[in-house]
């Protein structure tokens, strides 16, 4: 089974780093073929150009990144989604994982 690479982008990387840990616990518990990691917005364009990314989720405080990255993401055919405010504020890894799996068109049954 091929792993999907899911990148979370935020303004500085601190909160999203905590969120990634919560998502990873859910991935391990459910044995889902996703590799998730985060990066601050300032280096996101370089990562998108240099690595295989299957989907991007953007923290609510970095929503401005959508307009900056939209053309590149469209060109590379990488789906992206803004993380819901509620899931982000609660560091709800399970909820963000579900959002990401739907975006990646993966089975989301718990």
C-alpha atoms as a PDB file:
ATOM      1  CA  UNK A   1       0.000   0.000   0.000  1.00  0.00           C
ATOM      2  CA  UNK A   2       1.413   3.350  -1.046  1.00  0.00           C
ATOM      3  CA  UNK A   3       1.743   6.021   1.609  1.00  0.00           C
ATOM      4  CA  UNK A   4       0.294   9.485   1.046  1.00  0.00           C
ATOM      5  CA  UNK A   5       2.289  12.538   2.125  1.00  0.00           C
ATOM      6  CA  UNK A   6       0.178  15.145   3.902  1.00  0.00           C
ATOM      7  CA  UNK A   7       1.803  18.498   4.654  1.00  0.00           C
ATOM      8  CA  UNK A   8       0.344  20.870   7.241  1.00  0.00           C
ATOM      9  CA  UNK A   9       1.302  24.515   6.778  1.00  0.00           C
ATOM     10  CA  UNK A  10       1.033  27.177   9.455  1.00  0.00           C
ATOM     11  CA  UNK A  11       2.465  30.583  10.248  1.00  0.00           C
ATOM     12  CA  UNK A  12       5.292  29.492  12.571  1.00  0.00           C
ATOM     13  CA  UNK A  13       5.027  25.725  12.953  1.00  0.00           C
ATOM     14  CA  UNK A  14       4.532  25.515  16.723  1.00  0.00           C
ATOM     15  CA  UNK A  15       0.812  24.732  17.016  1.00  0.00           C
ATOM     16  CA  UNK A  16       0.825  22.638  13.878  1.00  0.00           C
ATOM     17  CA  UNK A  17       3.715  20.598  15.277  1.00  0.00           C
ATOM     18  CA  UNK A  18       1.519  19.695  18.257  1.00  0.00           C
ATOM     19  CA  UNK A  19      -1.337  18.907  15.906  1.00  0.00           C
ATOM     20  CA  UNK A  20       0.897  16.610  13.828  1.00  0.00           C
ATOM     21  CA  UNK A  21       1.707  14.587  16.979  1.00  0.00           C
ATOM     22  CA  UNK A  22      -2.006  14.131  17.645  1.00  0.00           C
ATOM     23  CA  UNK A  23      -2.637  13.124  14.021  1.00  0.00           C
ATOM     24  CA  UNK A  24       0.261  10.631  14.118  1.00  0.00           C
ATOM     25  CA  UNK A  25      -1.242   8.909  17.171  1.00  0.00           C
ATOM     26  CA  UNK A  26      -4.491   8.452  15.215  1.00  0.00           C
ATOM     27  CA  UNK A  27      -2.620   7.219  12.136  1.00  0.00           C
ATOM     28  CA  UNK A  28      -0.734   4.620  14.199  1.00  0.00           C
ATOM     29  CA  UNK A  29      -3.849   3.480  16.074  1.00  0.00           C
ATOM     30  CA  UNK A  30      -5.760   2.972  12.824  1.00  0.00           C
ATOM     31  CA  UNK A  31      -2.793   1.802  10.694  1.00  0.00           C
ATOM     32  CA  UNK A  32      -3.453   4.384   7.961  1.00  0.00           C
ATOM     33  CA  UNK A  33      -0.910   4.768   5.123  1.00  0.00           C
ATOM     34  CA  UNK A  34      -0.285   8.498   5.577  1.00  0.00           C
ATOM     35  CA  UNK A  35       2.927  10.310   6.426  1.00  0.00           C
ATOM     36  CA  UNK A  36       2.071  13.653   8.025  1.00  0.00           C
ATOM     37  CA  UNK A  37       4.408  16.500   8.853  1.00  0.00           C
ATOM     38  CA  UNK A  38       4.313  20.262   9.222  1.00  0.00           C
ATOM     39  CA  UNK A  39       6.269  23.244   8.012  1.00  0.00           C
ATOM     40  CA  UNK A  40       6.109  26.983   8.509  1.00  0.00           C
ATOM     41  CA  UNK A  41       4.623  28.918   5.616  1.00  0.00           C
ATOM     42  CA  UNK A  42       7.914  30.646   4.848  1.00  0.00           C
ATOM     43  CA  UNK A  43       9.465  27.406   3.501  1.00  0.00           C
ATOM     44  CA  UNK A  44       6.325  25.744   2.141  1.00  0.00           C
ATOM     45  CA  UNK A  45       6.964  26.676  -1.506  1.00  0.00           C
ATOM     46  CA  UNK A  46      10.417  25.075  -1.397  1.00  0.00           C
ATOM     47  CA  UNK A  47       8.995  21.880   0.137  1.00  0.00           C
ATOM     48  CA  UNK A  48       6.238  21.709  -2.486  1.00  0.00           C
ATOM     49  CA  UNK A  49       8.832  22.034  -5.237  1.00  0.00           C
ATOM     50  CA  UNK A  50      11.330  19.574  -3.743  1.00  0.00           C
ATOM     51  CA  UNK A  51       9.183  16.780  -2.295  1.00  0.00           C
ATOM     52  CA  UNK A  52       6.309  14.500  -3.290  1.00  0.00           C
ATOM     53  CA  UNK A  53       3.257  15.991  -1.598  1.00  0.00           C
ATOM     54  CA  UNK A  54      -0.169  14.379  -2.037  1.00  0.00           C
ATOM     55  CA  UNK A  55      -2.163  16.970  -0.111  1.00  0.00           C
ATOM     56  CA  UNK A  56      -1.778  20.144   1.912  1.00  0.00           C
ATOM     57  CA  UNK A  57      -3.756  21.359   4.875  1.00  0.00           C
ATOM     58  CA  UNK A  58      -3.368  24.972   5.919  1.00  0.00           C
ATOM     59  CA  UNK A  59      -3.803  26.292   9.453  1.00  0.00           C
ATOM     60  CA  UNK A  60      -6.504  28.973   9.815  1.00  0.00           C
ATOM     61  CA  UNK A  61      -3.984  31.663  10.809  1.00  0.00           C
ATOM     62  CA  UNK A  62      -2.075  31.045   7.546  1.00  0.00           C
ATOM     63  CA  UNK A  63      -5.087  31.279   5.202  1.00  0.00           C
ATOM     64  CA  UNK A  64      -3.259  34.069   3.321  1.00  0.00           C
ATOM     65  CA  UNK A  65      -0.932  31.344   1.997  1.00  0.00           C
ATOM     66  CA  UNK A  66      -3.704  30.011  -0.229  1.00  0.00           C
ATOM     67  CA  UNK A  67      -3.524  32.980  -2.591  1.00  0.00           C
ATOM     68  CA  UNK A  68       0.292  32.864  -2.603  1.00  0.00           C
ATOM     69  CA  UNK A  69       0.495  29.121  -3.357  1.00  0.00           C
ATOM     70  CA  UNK A  70      -2.659  28.600  -5.433  1.00  0.00           C
ATOM     71  CA  UNK A  71      -1.000  28.696  -8.869  1.00  0.00           C
ATOM     72  CA  UNK A  72       1.805  26.329  -7.826  1.00  0.00           C
ATOM     73  CA  UNK A  73      -0.634  23.874  -6.215  1.00  0.00           C
ATOM     74  CA  UNK A  74      -2.847  23.965  -9.287  1.00  0.00           C
ATOM     75  CA  UNK A  75       0.133  23.394 -11.591  1.00  0.00           C
ATOM     76  CA  UNK A  76       1.350  20.448  -9.490  1.00  0.00           C
ATOM     77  CA  UNK A  77      -2.229  19.162  -9.067  1.00  0.00           C
ATOM     78  CA  UNK A  78      -1.931  19.052  -5.272  1.00  0.00           C
ATOM     79  CA  UNK A  79      -5.250  19.269  -3.422  1.00  0.00           C
ATOM     80  CA  UNK A  80      -5.379  21.633  -0.456  1.00  0.00           C
ATOM     81  CA  UNK A  81      -7.806  22.518   2.293  1.00  0.00           C
ATOM     82  CA  UNK A  82      -8.022  25.010   5.118  1.00  0.00           C
ATOM     83  CA  UNK A  83      -8.107  23.209   8.497  1.00  0.00           C
ATOM     84  CA  UNK A  84     -11.355  23.988  10.298  1.00  0.00           C
ATOM     85  CA  UNK A  85     -11.036  26.533  13.107  1.00  0.00           C
ATOM     86  CA  UNK A  86     -12.596  24.123  15.607  1.00  0.00           C
ATOM     87  CA  UNK A  87     -10.274  21.192  14.850  1.00  0.00           C
ATOM     88  CA  UNK A  88      -7.255  23.499  14.862  1.00  0.00           C
ATOM     89  CA  UNK A  89      -8.087  25.258  18.125  1.00  0.00           C
ATOM     90  CA  UNK A  90      -8.808  21.963  19.917  1.00  0.00           C
ATOM     91  CA  UNK A  91      -5.723  20.251  18.423  1.00  0.00           C
ATOM     92  CA  UNK A  92      -8.173  17.577  17.252  1.00  0.00           C
ATOM     93  CA  UNK A  93      -5.854  15.230  15.389  1.00  0.00           C
ATOM     94  CA  UNK A  94      -8.656  12.758  14.624  1.00  0.00           C
ATOM     95  CA  UNK A  95     -10.793  15.506  13.080  1.00  0.00           C
ATOM     96  CA  UNK A  96      -7.952  16.928  10.996  1.00  0.00           C
ATOM     97  CA  UNK A  97      -7.013  13.418   9.863  1.00  0.00           C
ATOM     98  CA  UNK A  98     -10.601  12.837   8.715  1.00  0.00           C
ATOM     99  CA  UNK A  99     -10.540  16.153   6.811  1.00  0.00           C
ATOM    100  CA  UNK A 100      -7.247  15.182   5.184  1.00  0.00           C
ATOM    101  CA  UNK A 101      -8.397  11.682   4.249  1.00  0.00           C
ATOM    102  CA  UNK A 102     -11.542  13.059   2.598  1.00  0.00           C
ATOM    103  CA  UNK A 103      -9.425  15.530   0.632  1.00  0.00           C
ATOM    104  CA  UNK A 104      -7.112  12.681  -0.447  1.00  0.00           C
ATOM    105  CA  UNK A 105     -10.165  10.544  -1.319  1.00  0.00           C
ATOM    106  CA  UNK A 106      -9.159   7.830   1.147  1.00  0.00           C
ATOM    107  CA  UNK A 107     -11.545   5.622   3.086  1.00  0.00           C
ATOM    108  CA  UNK A 108     -12.452   7.422   6.302  1.00  0.00           C
ATOM    109  CA  UNK A 109     -14.345   4.770   8.245  1.00  0.00           C
ATOM    110  CA  UNK A 110     -13.193   4.630  11.844  1.00  0.00           C
END
